[in-house]
Amino acid sequence: MEVDPYAGRPIIGNLLCGMSGPAIRPIAQRKVAEVALAMRRGEIPNAPILAMGGITTGLDVARFIMLGASAVQIGSALIYGDADIFEEIEDELNEFMDVQGYDNLESMRGIALDSMEGLN
């Protein structure tokens, strides 16, 4: 919950809202990894993983891709800027990939899971 001190009332009209923003990214990353690992082990059917939660930079996108995400949703970043943030995130991701030697998203998709095999 958040209160607008100038209006003297809650910002969200229904008073109830979920936690969002960068604070939930580590939780979201763990959940993406858990699902991706369960698919690798054959415990659940393979399906696209759509990641969301606290994504504000190109590096955040890379983190989720490395955990096996098929796509990411960017919402938190809009709190800090306007629609230009999408281009900034794309540029940062592309620069990271160039420097690290990734040719495309597929070349880094799921690589963080390799060191997590056997974990629950």
PDB file of N, CA and C in Angstrom:
ATOM      1  N   MET A   1       0.847  -1.176   0.000  1.00  0.00           N
ATOM      2  CA  MET A   1       0.000   0.000   0.000  1.00  0.00           C
ATOM      3  C   MET A   1       0.888   1.233   0.000  1.00  0.00           C
ATOM      4  N   GLU A   2       0.429   2.263  -0.642  1.00  0.00           N
ATOM      5  CA  GLU A   2       1.141   3.540  -0.660  1.00  0.00           C
ATOM      6  C   GLU A   2       0.130   4.656  -0.505  1.00  0.00           C
ATOM      7  N   VAL A   3       0.508   5.671   0.250  1.00  0.00           N
ATOM      8  CA  VAL A   3      -0.355   6.827   0.490  1.00  0.00           C
ATOM      9  C   VAL A   3       0.252   8.044  -0.181  1.00  0.00           C
ATOM     10  N   ASP A   4      -0.574   8.782  -0.892  1.00  0.00           N
ATOM     11  CA  ASP A   4      -0.160  10.059  -1.460  1.00  0.00           C
ATOM     12  C   ASP A   4      -0.266  11.096  -0.343  1.00  0.00           C
ATOM     13  N   PRO A   5       0.877  11.616   0.141  1.00  0.00           N
ATOM     14  CA  PRO A   5       0.806  12.539   1.271  1.00  0.00           C
ATOM     15  C   PRO A   5       0.143  13.873   0.921  1.00  0.00           C
ATOM     16  N   TYR A   6       0.122  14.222  -0.357  1.00  0.00           N
ATOM     17  CA  TYR A   6      -0.495  15.479  -0.764  1.00  0.00           C
ATOM     18  C   TYR A   6      -2.012  15.355  -0.868  1.00  0.00           C
ATOM     19  N   ALA A   7      -2.475  14.180  -1.305  1.00  0.00           N
ATOM     20  CA  ALA A   7      -3.914  13.954  -1.412  1.00  0.00           C
ATOM     21  C   ALA A   7      -4.487  13.392  -0.112  1.00  0.00           C
ATOM     22  N   GLY A   8      -3.616  12.818   0.715  1.00  0.00           N
ATOM     23  CA  GLY A   8      -4.075  12.262   1.975  1.00  0.00           C
ATOM     24  C   GLY A   8      -4.922  11.012   1.820  1.00  0.00           C
ATOM     25  N   ARG A   9      -4.603  10.215   0.793  1.00  0.00           N
ATOM     26  CA  ARG A   9      -5.365   8.981   0.581  1.00  0.00           C
ATOM     27  C   ARG A   9      -4.477   7.951  -0.120  1.00  0.00           C
ATOM     28  N   PRO A  10      -4.888   6.697  -0.080  1.00  0.00           N
ATOM     29  CA  PRO A  10      -4.108   5.661  -0.779  1.00  0.00           C
ATOM     30  C   PRO A  10      -4.061   5.928  -2.281  1.00  0.00           C
ATOM     31  N   ILE A  11      -2.940   5.564  -2.882  1.00  0.00           N
ATOM     32  CA  ILE A  11      -2.765   5.761  -4.320  1.00  0.00           C
ATOM     33  C   ILE A  11      -3.602   4.764  -5.107  1.00  0.00           C
ATOM     34  N   ILE A  12      -3.655   3.526  -4.649  1.00  0.00           N
ATOM     35  CA  ILE A  12      -4.451   2.486  -5.319  1.00  0.00           C
ATOM     36  C   ILE A  12      -5.868   2.550  -4.775  1.00  0.00           C
ATOM     37  N   GLY A  13      -6.825   2.685  -5.660  1.00  0.00           N
ATOM     38  CA  GLY A  13      -8.202   2.878  -5.253  1.00  0.00           C
ATOM     39  C   GLY A  13      -8.808   1.754  -4.430  1.00  0.00           C
ATOM     40  N   ASN A  14      -8.440   0.505  -4.727  1.00  0.00           N
ATOM     41  CA  ASN A  14      -9.068  -0.600  -3.994  1.00  0.00           C
ATOM     42  C   ASN A  14      -8.312  -0.949  -2.714  1.00  0.00           C
ATOM     43  N   LEU A  15      -7.294  -0.187  -2.398  1.00  0.00           N
ATOM     44  CA  LEU A  15      -6.457  -0.337  -1.206  1.00  0.00           C
ATOM     45  C   LEU A  15      -5.557  -1.556  -1.231  1.00  0.00           C
ATOM     46  N   LEU A  16      -5.875  -2.546  -2.025  1.00  0.00           N
ATOM     47  CA  LEU A  16      -5.084  -3.762  -2.078  1.00  0.00           C
ATOM     48  C   LEU A  16      -4.314  -3.806  -3.384  1.00  0.00           C
ATOM     49  N   CYS A  17      -3.044  -4.043  -3.274  1.00  0.00           N
ATOM     50  CA  CYS A  17      -2.244  -4.188  -4.479  1.00  0.00           C
ATOM     51  C   CYS A  17      -1.090  -5.117  -4.163  1.00  0.00           C
ATOM     52  N   GLY A  18      -0.519  -5.672  -5.194  1.00  0.00           N
ATOM     53  CA  GLY A  18       0.600  -6.574  -5.006  1.00  0.00           C
ATOM     54  C   GLY A  18       1.906  -5.817  -4.921  1.00  0.00           C
ATOM     55  N   MET A  19       2.906  -6.507  -4.451  1.00  0.00           N
ATOM     56  CA  MET A  19       4.241  -5.923  -4.427  1.00  0.00           C
ATOM     57  C   MET A  19       4.812  -6.000  -5.834  1.00  0.00           C
ATOM     58  N   SER A  20       5.493  -4.965  -6.229  1.00  0.00           N
ATOM     59  CA  SER A  20       6.083  -4.964  -7.560  1.00  0.00           C
ATOM     60  C   SER A  20       7.388  -4.189  -7.520  1.00  0.00           C
ATOM     61  N   GLY A  21       8.038  -4.124  -8.659  1.00  0.00           N
ATOM     62  CA  GLY A  21       9.276  -3.374  -8.759  1.00  0.00           C
ATOM     63  C   GLY A  21      10.499  -4.226  -8.478  1.00  0.00           C
ATOM     64  N   PRO A  22      11.658  -3.589  -8.453  1.00  0.00           N
ATOM     65  CA  PRO A  22      12.927  -4.309  -8.306  1.00  0.00           C
ATOM     66  C   PRO A  22      13.005  -5.226  -7.087  1.00  0.00           C
ATOM     67  N   ALA A  23      12.256  -4.941  -6.051  1.00  0.00           N
ATOM     68  CA  ALA A  23      12.318  -5.775  -4.842  1.00  0.00           C
ATOM     69  C   ALA A  23      11.864  -7.209  -5.089  1.00  0.00           C
ATOM     70  N   ILE A  24      11.011  -7.424  -6.084  1.00  0.00           N
ATOM     71  CA  ILE A  24      10.534  -8.794  -6.310  1.00  0.00           C
ATOM     72  C   ILE A  24      11.333  -9.550  -7.372  1.00  0.00           C
ATOM     73  N   ARG A  25      12.287  -8.878  -8.029  1.00  0.00           N
ATOM     74  CA  ARG A  25      13.039  -9.558  -9.086  1.00  0.00           C
ATOM     75  C   ARG A  25      13.727 -10.826  -8.613  1.00  0.00           C
ATOM     76  N   PRO A  26      14.414 -10.839  -7.466  1.00  0.00           N
ATOM     77  CA  PRO A  26      15.039 -12.096  -7.034  1.00  0.00           C
ATOM     78  C   PRO A  26      14.034 -13.227  -6.799  1.00  0.00           C
ATOM     79  N   ILE A  27      12.863 -12.877  -6.316  1.00  0.00           N
ATOM     80  CA  ILE A  27      11.822 -13.889  -6.111  1.00  0.00           C
ATOM     81  C   ILE A  27      11.340 -14.409  -7.458  1.00  0.00           C
ATOM     82  N   ALA A  28      11.096 -13.496  -8.388  1.00  0.00           N
ATOM     83  CA  ALA A  28      10.648 -13.888  -9.721  1.00  0.00           C
ATOM     84  C   ALA A  28      11.700 -14.743 -10.424  1.00  0.00           C
ATOM     85  N   GLN A  29      12.972 -14.375 -10.268  1.00  0.00           N
ATOM     86  CA  GLN A  29      14.046 -15.160 -10.884  1.00  0.00           C
ATOM     87  C   GLN A  29      14.056 -16.582 -10.329  1.00  0.00           C
ATOM     88  N   ARG A  30      13.888 -16.717  -9.034  1.00  0.00           N
ATOM     89  CA  ARG A  30      13.864 -18.057  -8.448  1.00  0.00           C
ATOM     90  C   ARG A  30      12.714 -18.872  -9.029  1.00  0.00           C
ATOM     91  N   LYS A  31      11.552 -18.275  -9.163  1.00  0.00           N
ATOM     92  CA  LYS A  31      10.389 -18.998  -9.685  1.00  0.00           C
ATOM     93  C   LYS A  31      10.606 -19.402 -11.139  1.00  0.00           C
ATOM     94  N   VAL A  32      11.190 -18.517 -11.938  1.00  0.00           N
ATOM     95  CA  VAL A  32      11.500 -18.862 -13.329  1.00  0.00           C
ATOM     96  C   VAL A  32      12.471 -20.040 -13.357  1.00  0.00           C
ATOM     97  N   ALA A  33      13.503 -19.994 -12.524  1.00  0.00           N
ATOM     98  CA  ALA A  33      14.483 -21.083 -12.467  1.00  0.00           C
ATOM     99  C   ALA A  33      13.832 -22.388 -12.028  1.00  0.00           C
ATOM    100  N   GLU A  34      12.942 -22.339 -11.046  1.00  0.00           N
ATOM    101  CA  GLU A  34      12.272 -23.553 -10.568  1.00  0.00           C
ATOM    102  C   GLU A  34      11.446 -24.196 -11.679  1.00  0.00           C
ATOM    103  N   VAL A  35      10.727 -23.381 -12.417  1.00  0.00           N
ATOM    104  CA  VAL A  35       9.908 -23.904 -13.514  1.00  0.00           C
ATOM    105  C   VAL A  35      10.801 -24.470 -14.620  1.00  0.00           C
ATOM    106  N   ALA A  36      11.837 -23.726 -14.986  1.00  0.00           N
ATOM    107  CA  ALA A  36      12.737 -24.180 -16.058  1.00  0.00           C
ATOM    108  C   ALA A  36      13.430 -25.488 -15.676  1.00  0.00           C
ATOM    109  N   LEU A  37      13.866 -25.594 -14.427  1.00  0.00           N
ATOM    110  CA  LEU A  37      14.518 -26.832 -13.976  1.00  0.00           C
ATOM    111  C   LEU A  37      13.537 -27.996 -13.955  1.00  0.00           C
ATOM    112  N   ALA A  38      12.315 -27.749 -13.534  1.00  0.00           N
ATOM    113  CA  ALA A  38      11.295 -28.811 -13.532  1.00  0.00           C
ATOM    114  C   ALA A  38      11.019 -29.287 -14.956  1.00  0.00           C
ATOM    115  N   MET A  39      11.030 -28.378 -15.919  1.00  0.00           N
ATOM    116  CA  MET A  39      10.842 -28.782 -17.319  1.00  0.00           C
ATOM    117  C   MET A  39      12.034 -29.595 -17.787  1.00  0.00           C
ATOM    118  N   ARG A  40      13.245 -29.183 -17.436  1.00  0.00           N
ATOM    119  CA  ARG A  40      14.456 -29.937 -17.821  1.00  0.00           C
ATOM    120  C   ARG A  40      14.424 -31.361 -17.275  1.00  0.00           C
ATOM    121  N   ARG A  41      13.933 -31.510 -16.062  1.00  0.00           N
ATOM    122  CA  ARG A  41      13.881 -32.833 -15.425  1.00  0.00           C
ATOM    123  C   ARG A  41      12.700 -33.667 -15.910  1.00  0.00           C
ATOM    124  N   GLY A  42      11.841 -33.079 -16.725  1.00  0.00           N
ATOM    125  CA  GLY A  42      10.686 -33.796 -17.240  1.00  0.00           C
ATOM    126  C   GLY A  42       9.551 -33.908 -16.238  1.00  0.00           C
ATOM    127  N   GLU A  43       9.581 -33.119 -15.205  1.00  0.00           N
ATOM    128  CA  GLU A  43       8.535 -33.156 -14.178  1.00  0.00           C
ATOM    129  C   GLU A  43       7.259 -32.455 -14.623  1.00  0.00           C
ATOM    130  N   ILE A  44       7.408 -31.504 -15.522  1.00  0.00           N
ATOM    131  CA  ILE A  44       6.262 -30.802 -16.100  1.00  0.00           C
ATOM    132  C   ILE A  44       6.530 -30.656 -17.596  1.00  0.00           C
ATOM    133  N   PRO A  45       5.468 -30.525 -18.387  1.00  0.00           N
ATOM    134  CA  PRO A  45       5.662 -30.379 -19.837  1.00  0.00           C
ATOM    135  C   PRO A  45       6.414 -29.098 -20.190  1.00  0.00           C
ATOM    136  N   ASN A  46       7.152 -29.140 -21.265  1.00  0.00           N
ATOM    137  CA  ASN A  46       7.843 -27.942 -21.751  1.00  0.00           C
ATOM    138  C   ASN A  46       6.825 -26.938 -22.268  1.00  0.00           C
ATOM    139  N   ALA A  47       7.047 -25.694 -21.936  1.00  0.00           N
ATOM    140  CA  ALA A  47       6.187 -24.597 -22.377  1.00  0.00           C
ATOM    141  C   ALA A  47       7.013 -23.318 -22.312  1.00  0.00           C
ATOM    142  N   PRO A  48       6.615 -22.309 -23.050  1.00  0.00           N
ATOM    143  CA  PRO A  48       7.324 -21.031 -22.953  1.00  0.00           C
ATOM    144  C   PRO A  48       7.215 -20.474 -21.528  1.00  0.00           C
ATOM    145  N   ILE A  49       8.294 -19.872 -21.067  1.00  0.00           N
ATOM    146  CA  ILE A  49       8.299 -19.228 -19.754  1.00  0.00           C
ATOM    147  C   ILE A  49       8.280 -17.725 -19.978  1.00  0.00           C
ATOM    148  N   LEU A  50       7.254 -17.091 -19.487  1.00  0.00           N
ATOM    149  CA  LEU A  50       7.118 -15.643 -19.606  1.00  0.00           C
ATOM    150  C   LEU A  50       7.494 -15.028 -18.263  1.00  0.00           C
ATOM    151  N   ALA A  51       8.600 -14.326 -18.235  1.00  0.00           N
ATOM    152  CA  ALA A  51       9.135 -13.778 -16.989  1.00  0.00           C
ATOM    153  C   ALA A  51       8.677 -12.344 -16.776  1.00  0.00           C
ATOM    154  N   MET A  52       8.426 -12.017 -15.522  1.00  0.00           N
ATOM    155  CA  MET A  52       8.062 -10.653 -15.164  1.00  0.00           C
ATOM    156  C   MET A  52       8.382 -10.440 -13.702  1.00  0.00           C
ATOM    157  N   GLY A  53       8.621  -9.200 -13.362  1.00  0.00           N
ATOM    158  CA  GLY A  53       8.865  -8.864 -11.973  1.00  0.00           C
ATOM    159  C   GLY A  53      10.137  -8.084 -11.766  1.00  0.00           C
ATOM    160  N   GLY A  54      10.027  -6.781 -11.708  1.00  0.00           N
ATOM    161  CA  GLY A  54      11.163  -5.935 -11.369  1.00  0.00           C
ATOM    162  C   GLY A  54      12.173  -5.711 -12.462  1.00  0.00           C
ATOM    163  N   ILE A  55      11.802  -5.899 -13.689  1.00  0.00           N
ATOM    164  CA  ILE A  55      12.740  -5.742 -14.800  1.00  0.00           C
ATOM    165  C   ILE A  55      12.845  -4.263 -15.163  1.00  0.00           C
ATOM    166  N   THR A  56      14.040  -3.702 -14.952  1.00  0.00           N
ATOM    167  CA  THR A  56      14.249  -2.281 -15.223  1.00  0.00           C
ATOM    168  C   THR A  56      15.444  -1.998 -16.124  1.00  0.00           C
ATOM    169  N   THR A  57      16.273  -3.026 -16.400  1.00  0.00           N
ATOM    170  CA  THR A  57      17.477  -2.820 -17.204  1.00  0.00           C
ATOM    171  C   THR A  57      17.667  -3.966 -18.192  1.00  0.00           C
ATOM    172  N   GLY A  58      18.575  -3.749 -19.129  1.00  0.00           N
ATOM    173  CA  GLY A  58      18.944  -4.814 -20.055  1.00  0.00           C
ATOM    174  C   GLY A  58      19.577  -5.991 -19.337  1.00  0.00           C
ATOM    175  N   LEU A  59      20.322  -5.714 -18.272  1.00  0.00           N
ATOM    176  CA  LEU A  59      20.923  -6.799 -17.495  1.00  0.00           C
ATOM    177  C   LEU A  59      19.858  -7.642 -16.798  1.00  0.00           C
ATOM    178  N   ASP A  60      18.773  -7.013 -16.379  1.00  0.00           N
ATOM    179  CA  ASP A  60      17.667  -7.777 -15.790  1.00  0.00           C
ATOM    180  C   ASP A  60      17.076  -8.725 -16.830  1.00  0.00           C
ATOM    181  N   VAL A  61      16.925  -8.244 -18.047  1.00  0.00           N
ATOM    182  CA  VAL A  61      16.425  -9.102 -19.126  1.00  0.00           C
ATOM    183  C   VAL A  61      17.379 -10.280 -19.318  1.00  0.00           C
ATOM    184  N   ALA A  62      18.678  -9.999 -19.370  1.00  0.00           N
ATOM    185  CA  ALA A  62      19.672 -11.067 -19.539  1.00  0.00           C
ATOM    186  C   ALA A  62      19.570 -12.093 -18.419  1.00  0.00           C
ATOM    187  N   ARG A  63      19.403 -11.636 -17.185  1.00  0.00           N
ATOM    188  CA  ARG A  63      19.285 -12.556 -16.053  1.00  0.00           C
ATOM    189  C   ARG A  63      18.143 -13.549 -16.262  1.00  0.00           C
ATOM    190  N   PHE A  64      16.985 -13.045 -16.659  1.00  0.00           N
ATOM    191  CA  PHE A  64      15.833 -13.922 -16.857  1.00  0.00           C
ATOM    192  C   PHE A  64      16.034 -14.867 -18.038  1.00  0.00           C
ATOM    193  N   ILE A  65      16.628 -14.376 -19.107  1.00  0.00           N
ATOM    194  CA  ILE A  65      16.907 -15.232 -20.258  1.00  0.00           C
ATOM    195  C   ILE A  65      17.873 -16.343 -19.844  1.00  0.00           C
ATOM    196  N   MET A  66      18.890 -15.999 -19.071  1.00  0.00           N
ATOM    197  CA  MET A  66      19.864 -16.995 -18.613  1.00  0.00           C
ATOM    198  C   MET A  66      19.240 -18.039 -17.695  1.00  0.00           C
ATOM    199  N   LEU A  67      18.105 -17.707 -17.110  1.00  0.00           N
ATOM    200  CA  LEU A  67      17.381 -18.660 -16.267  1.00  0.00           C
ATOM    201  C   LEU A  67      16.343 -19.455 -17.059  1.00  0.00           C
ATOM    202  N   GLY A  68      16.275 -19.221 -18.362  1.00  0.00           N
ATOM    203  CA  GLY A  68      15.402 -20.013 -19.211  1.00  0.00           C
ATOM    204  C   GLY A  68      14.150 -19.327 -19.706  1.00  0.00           C
ATOM    205  N   ALA A  69      13.980 -18.061 -19.413  1.00  0.00           N
ATOM    206  CA  ALA A  69      12.779 -17.361 -19.870  1.00  0.00           C
ATOM    207  C   ALA A  69      12.742 -17.286 -21.394  1.00  0.00           C
ATOM    208  N   SER A  70      11.551 -17.453 -21.933  1.00  0.00           N
ATOM    209  CA  SER A  70      11.335 -17.319 -23.370  1.00  0.00           C
ATOM    210  C   SER A  70      11.092 -15.867 -23.751  1.00  0.00           C
ATOM    211  N   ALA A  71      10.494 -15.125 -22.837  1.00  0.00           N
ATOM    212  CA  ALA A  71      10.184 -13.714 -23.056  1.00  0.00           C
ATOM    213  C   ALA A  71      10.106 -13.034 -21.695  1.00  0.00           C
ATOM    214  N   VAL A  72      10.225 -11.721 -21.698  1.00  0.00           N
ATOM    215  CA  VAL A  72      10.099 -10.953 -20.466  1.00  0.00           C
ATOM    216  C   VAL A  72       9.067  -9.849 -20.647  1.00  0.00           C
ATOM    217  N   GLN A  73       8.428  -9.517 -19.555  1.00  0.00           N
ATOM    218  CA  GLN A  73       7.487  -8.394 -19.543  1.00  0.00           C
ATOM    219  C   GLN A  73       8.151  -7.247 -18.804  1.00  0.00           C
ATOM    220  N   ILE A  74       8.135  -6.091 -19.396  1.00  0.00           N
ATOM    221  CA  ILE A  74       8.731  -4.918 -18.759  1.00  0.00           C
ATOM    222  C   ILE A  74       7.615  -3.979 -18.338  1.00  0.00           C
ATOM    223  N   GLY A  75       7.499  -3.809 -17.047  1.00  0.00           N
ATOM    224  CA  GLY A  75       6.501  -2.901 -16.497  1.00  0.00           C
ATOM    225  C   GLY A  75       7.126  -1.970 -15.484  1.00  0.00           C
ATOM    226  N   SER A  76       7.935  -2.546 -14.598  1.00  0.00           N
ATOM    227  CA  SER A  76       8.557  -1.751 -13.533  1.00  0.00           C
ATOM    228  C   SER A  76       9.367  -0.583 -14.082  1.00  0.00           C
ATOM    229  N   ALA A  77      10.020  -0.782 -15.212  1.00  0.00           N
ATOM    230  CA  ALA A  77      10.868   0.265 -15.779  1.00  0.00           C
ATOM    231  C   ALA A  77      10.064   1.511 -16.122  1.00  0.00           C
ATOM    232  N   LEU A  78       8.787   1.356 -16.408  1.00  0.00           N
ATOM    233  CA  LEU A  78       7.959   2.514 -16.767  1.00  0.00           C
ATOM    234  C   LEU A  78       7.715   3.437 -15.582  1.00  0.00           C
ATOM    235  N   ILE A  79       7.939   2.936 -14.376  1.00  0.00           N
ATOM    236  CA  ILE A  79       7.810   3.784 -13.199  1.00  0.00           C
ATOM    237  C   ILE A  79       8.884   4.866 -13.226  1.00  0.00           C
ATOM    238  N   TYR A  80      10.044   4.519 -13.780  1.00  0.00           N
ATOM    239  CA  TYR A  80      11.202   5.406 -13.747  1.00  0.00           C
ATOM    240  C   TYR A  80      11.384   6.228 -15.009  1.00  0.00           C
ATOM    241  N   GLY A  81      10.618   5.957 -16.030  1.00  0.00           N
ATOM    242  CA  GLY A  81      10.787   6.703 -17.273  1.00  0.00           C
ATOM    243  C   GLY A  81       9.582   6.529 -18.170  1.00  0.00           C
ATOM    244  N   ASP A  82       9.689   7.067 -19.362  1.00  0.00           N
ATOM    245  CA  ASP A  82       8.589   6.935 -20.319  1.00  0.00           C
ATOM    246  C   ASP A  82       8.884   5.782 -21.275  1.00  0.00           C
ATOM    247  N   ALA A  83       8.189   5.731 -22.372  1.00  0.00           N
ATOM    248  CA  ALA A  83       8.322   4.614 -23.320  1.00  0.00           C
ATOM    249  C   ALA A  83       9.724   4.501 -23.916  1.00  0.00           C
ATOM    250  N   ASP A  84      10.525   5.549 -23.822  1.00  0.00           N
ATOM    251  CA  ASP A  84      11.910   5.478 -24.300  1.00  0.00           C
ATOM    252  C   ASP A  84      12.728   4.447 -23.526  1.00  0.00           C
ATOM    253  N   ILE A  85      12.254   4.053 -22.361  1.00  0.00           N
ATOM    254  CA  ILE A  85      12.987   3.089 -21.542  1.00  0.00           C
ATOM    255  C   ILE A  85      13.139   1.757 -22.272  1.00  0.00           C
ATOM    256  N   PHE A  86      12.188   1.423 -23.139  1.00  0.00           N
ATOM    257  CA  PHE A  86      12.287   0.164 -23.878  1.00  0.00           C
ATOM    258  C   PHE A  86      13.516   0.155 -24.782  1.00  0.00           C
ATOM    259  N   GLU A  87      13.760   1.264 -25.449  1.00  0.00           N
ATOM    260  CA  GLU A  87      14.938   1.371 -26.312  1.00  0.00           C
ATOM    261  C   GLU A  87      16.222   1.329 -25.484  1.00  0.00           C
ATOM    262  N   GLU A  88      16.208   1.980 -24.326  1.00  0.00           N
ATOM    263  CA  GLU A  88      17.380   1.964 -23.447  1.00  0.00           C
ATOM    264  C   GLU A  88      17.685   0.538 -22.973  1.00  0.00           C
ATOM    265  N   ILE A  89      16.651  -0.190 -22.609  1.00  0.00           N
ATOM    266  CA  ILE A  89      16.829  -1.571 -22.159  1.00  0.00           C
ATOM    267  C   ILE A  89      17.363  -2.432 -23.299  1.00  0.00           C
ATOM    268  N   GLU A  90      16.804  -2.257 -24.483  1.00  0.00           N
ATOM    269  CA  GLU A  90      17.276  -3.010 -25.647  1.00  0.00           C
ATOM    270  C   GLU A  90      18.740  -2.695 -25.939  1.00  0.00           C
ATOM    271  N   ASP A  91      19.103  -1.419 -25.907  1.00  0.00           N
ATOM    272  CA  ASP A  91      20.496  -1.031 -26.159  1.00  0.00           C
ATOM    273  C   ASP A  91      21.437  -1.643 -25.124  1.00  0.00           C
ATOM    274  N   GLU A  92      21.032  -1.602 -23.863  1.00  0.00           N
ATOM    275  CA  GLU A  92      21.873  -2.165 -22.808  1.00  0.00           C
ATOM    276  C   GLU A  92      22.025  -3.671 -22.979  1.00  0.00           C
ATOM    277  N   LEU A  93      20.943  -4.346 -23.310  1.00  0.00           N
ATOM    278  CA  LEU A  93      21.005  -5.794 -23.538  1.00  0.00           C
ATOM    279  C   LEU A  93      21.918  -6.110 -24.720  1.00  0.00           C
ATOM    280  N   ASN A  94      21.767  -5.381 -25.813  1.00  0.00           N
ATOM    281  CA  ASN A  94      22.611  -5.614 -26.990  1.00  0.00           C
ATOM    282  C   ASN A  94      24.079  -5.365 -26.688  1.00  0.00           C
ATOM    283  N   GLU A  95      24.380  -4.312 -25.938  1.00  0.00           N
ATOM    284  CA  GLU A  95      25.768  -4.018 -25.577  1.00  0.00           C
ATOM    285  C   GLU A  95      26.334  -5.140 -24.698  1.00  0.00           C
ATOM    286  N   PHE A  96      25.559  -5.587 -23.729  1.00  0.00           N
ATOM    287  CA  PHE A  96      25.993  -6.688 -22.867  1.00  0.00           C
ATOM    288  C   PHE A  96      26.288  -7.934 -23.693  1.00  0.00           C
ATOM    289  N   MET A  97      25.394  -8.259 -24.613  1.00  0.00           N
ATOM    290  CA  MET A  97      25.567  -9.449 -25.443  1.00  0.00           C
ATOM    291  C   MET A  97      26.803  -9.329 -26.320  1.00  0.00           C
ATOM    292  N   ASP A  98      27.031  -8.159 -26.898  1.00  0.00           N
ATOM    293  CA  ASP A  98      28.221  -7.941 -27.731  1.00  0.00           C
ATOM    294  C   ASP A  98      29.505  -8.120 -26.923  1.00  0.00           C
ATOM    295  N   VAL A  99      29.551  -7.488 -25.761  1.00  0.00           N
ATOM    296  CA  VAL A  99      30.755  -7.550 -24.923  1.00  0.00           C
ATOM    297  C   VAL A  99      31.004  -8.982 -24.432  1.00  0.00           C
ATOM    298  N   GLN A 100      29.942  -9.678 -24.090  1.00  0.00           N
ATOM    299  CA  GLN A 100      30.080 -11.036 -23.550  1.00  0.00           C
ATOM    300  C   GLN A 100      30.171 -12.112 -24.633  1.00  0.00           C
ATOM    301  N   GLY A 101      29.970 -11.736 -25.878  1.00  0.00           N
ATOM    302  CA  GLY A 101      30.122 -12.668 -26.984  1.00  0.00           C
ATOM    303  C   GLY A 101      28.904 -13.541 -27.273  1.00  0.00           C
ATOM    304  N   TYR A 102      27.726 -13.082 -26.902  1.00  0.00           N
ATOM    305  CA  TYR A 102      26.493 -13.819 -27.220  1.00  0.00           C
ATOM    306  C   TYR A 102      25.989 -13.352 -28.581  1.00  0.00           C
ATOM    307  N   ASP A 103      25.790 -14.303 -29.483  1.00  0.00           N
ATOM    308  CA  ASP A 103      25.323 -13.956 -30.826  1.00  0.00           C
ATOM    309  C   ASP A 103      23.839 -13.610 -30.857  1.00  0.00           C
ATOM    310  N   ASN A 104      23.068 -14.250 -29.985  1.00  0.00           N
ATOM    311  CA  ASN A 104      21.626 -14.050 -29.952  1.00  0.00           C
ATOM    312  C   ASN A 104      21.097 -14.497 -28.589  1.00  0.00           C
ATOM    313  N   LEU A 105      19.831 -14.291 -28.363  1.00  0.00           N
ATOM    314  CA  LEU A 105      19.243 -14.663 -27.074  1.00  0.00           C
ATOM    315  C   LEU A 105      19.347 -16.168 -26.818  1.00  0.00           C
ATOM    316  N   GLU A 106      19.175 -16.939 -27.865  1.00  0.00           N
ATOM    317  CA  GLU A 106      19.212 -18.396 -27.702  1.00  0.00           C
ATOM    318  C   GLU A 106      20.563 -18.883 -27.183  1.00  0.00           C
ATOM    319  N   SER A 107      21.633 -18.175 -27.547  1.00  0.00           N
ATOM    320  CA  SER A 107      22.958 -18.603 -27.117  1.00  0.00           C
ATOM    321  C   SER A 107      23.184 -18.419 -25.614  1.00  0.00           C
ATOM    322  N   MET A 108      22.336 -17.648 -24.961  1.00  0.00           N
ATOM    323  CA  MET A 108      22.476 -17.490 -23.509  1.00  0.00           C
ATOM    324  C   MET A 108      21.263 -18.015 -22.740  1.00  0.00           C
ATOM    325  N   ARG A 109      20.235 -18.437 -23.470  1.00  0.00           N
ATOM    326  CA  ARG A 109      19.025 -18.908 -22.800  1.00  0.00           C
ATOM    327  C   ARG A 109      19.314 -20.156 -21.966  1.00  0.00           C
ATOM    328  N   GLY A 110      19.039 -20.058 -20.678  1.00  0.00           N
ATOM    329  CA  GLY A 110      19.152 -21.195 -19.781  1.00  0.00           C
ATOM    330  C   GLY A 110      20.542 -21.525 -19.286  1.00  0.00           C
ATOM    331  N   ILE A 111      21.555 -20.732 -19.638  1.00  0.00           N
ATOM    332  CA  ILE A 111      22.918 -21.120 -19.240  1.00  0.00           C
ATOM    333  C   ILE A 111      23.120 -21.116 -17.730  1.00  0.00           C
ATOM    334  N   ALA A 112      22.387 -20.290 -17.021  1.00  0.00           N
ATOM    335  CA  ALA A 112      22.528 -20.260 -15.560  1.00  0.00           C
ATOM    336  C   ALA A 112      21.976 -21.530 -14.920  1.00  0.00           C
ATOM    337  N   LEU A 113      21.126 -22.227 -15.638  1.00  0.00           N
ATOM    338  CA  LEU A 113      20.540 -23.456 -15.099  1.00  0.00           C
ATOM    339  C   LEU A 113      21.546 -24.591 -15.039  1.00  0.00           C
ATOM    340  N   ASP A 114      22.568 -24.545 -15.905  1.00  0.00           N
ATOM    341  CA  ASP A 114      23.561 -25.614 -15.949  1.00  0.00           C
ATOM    342  C   ASP A 114      24.225 -25.826 -14.594  1.00  0.00           C
ATOM    343  N   SER A 115      24.485 -24.733 -13.875  1.00  0.00           N
ATOM    344  CA  SER A 115      25.131 -24.851 -12.567  1.00  0.00           C
ATOM    345  C   SER A 115      24.138 -25.157 -11.459  1.00  0.00           C
ATOM    346  N   MET A 116      22.866 -25.234 -11.808  1.00  0.00           N
ATOM    347  CA  MET A 116      21.825 -25.486 -10.811  1.00  0.00           C
ATOM    348  C   MET A 116      21.266 -26.902 -10.908  1.00  0.00           C
ATOM    349  N   GLU A 117      21.725 -27.687 -11.859  1.00  0.00           N
ATOM    350  CA  GLU A 117      21.233 -29.057 -12.012  1.00  0.00           C
ATOM    351  C   GLU A 117      21.387 -29.798 -10.693  1.00  0.00           C
ATOM    352  N   GLY A 118      20.383 -30.546 -10.326  1.00  0.00           N
ATOM    353  CA  GLY A 118      20.423 -31.319  -9.099  1.00  0.00           C
ATOM    354  C   GLY A 118      19.904 -30.571  -7.880  1.00  0.00           C
ATOM    355  N   LEU A 119      19.656 -29.251  -8.035  1.00  0.00           N
ATOM    356  CA  LEU A 119      19.087 -28.477  -6.922  1.00  0.00           C
ATOM    357  C   LEU A 119      17.575 -28.591  -6.953  1.00  0.00           C
ATOM    358  N   ASN A 120      16.980 -28.461  -5.843  1.00  0.00           N
ATOM    359  CA  ASN A 120      15.506 -28.471  -5.776  1.00  0.00           C
ATOM    360  C   ASN A 120      14.968 -27.082  -5.659  1.00  0.00           C
TER     361      ASN A 120
END
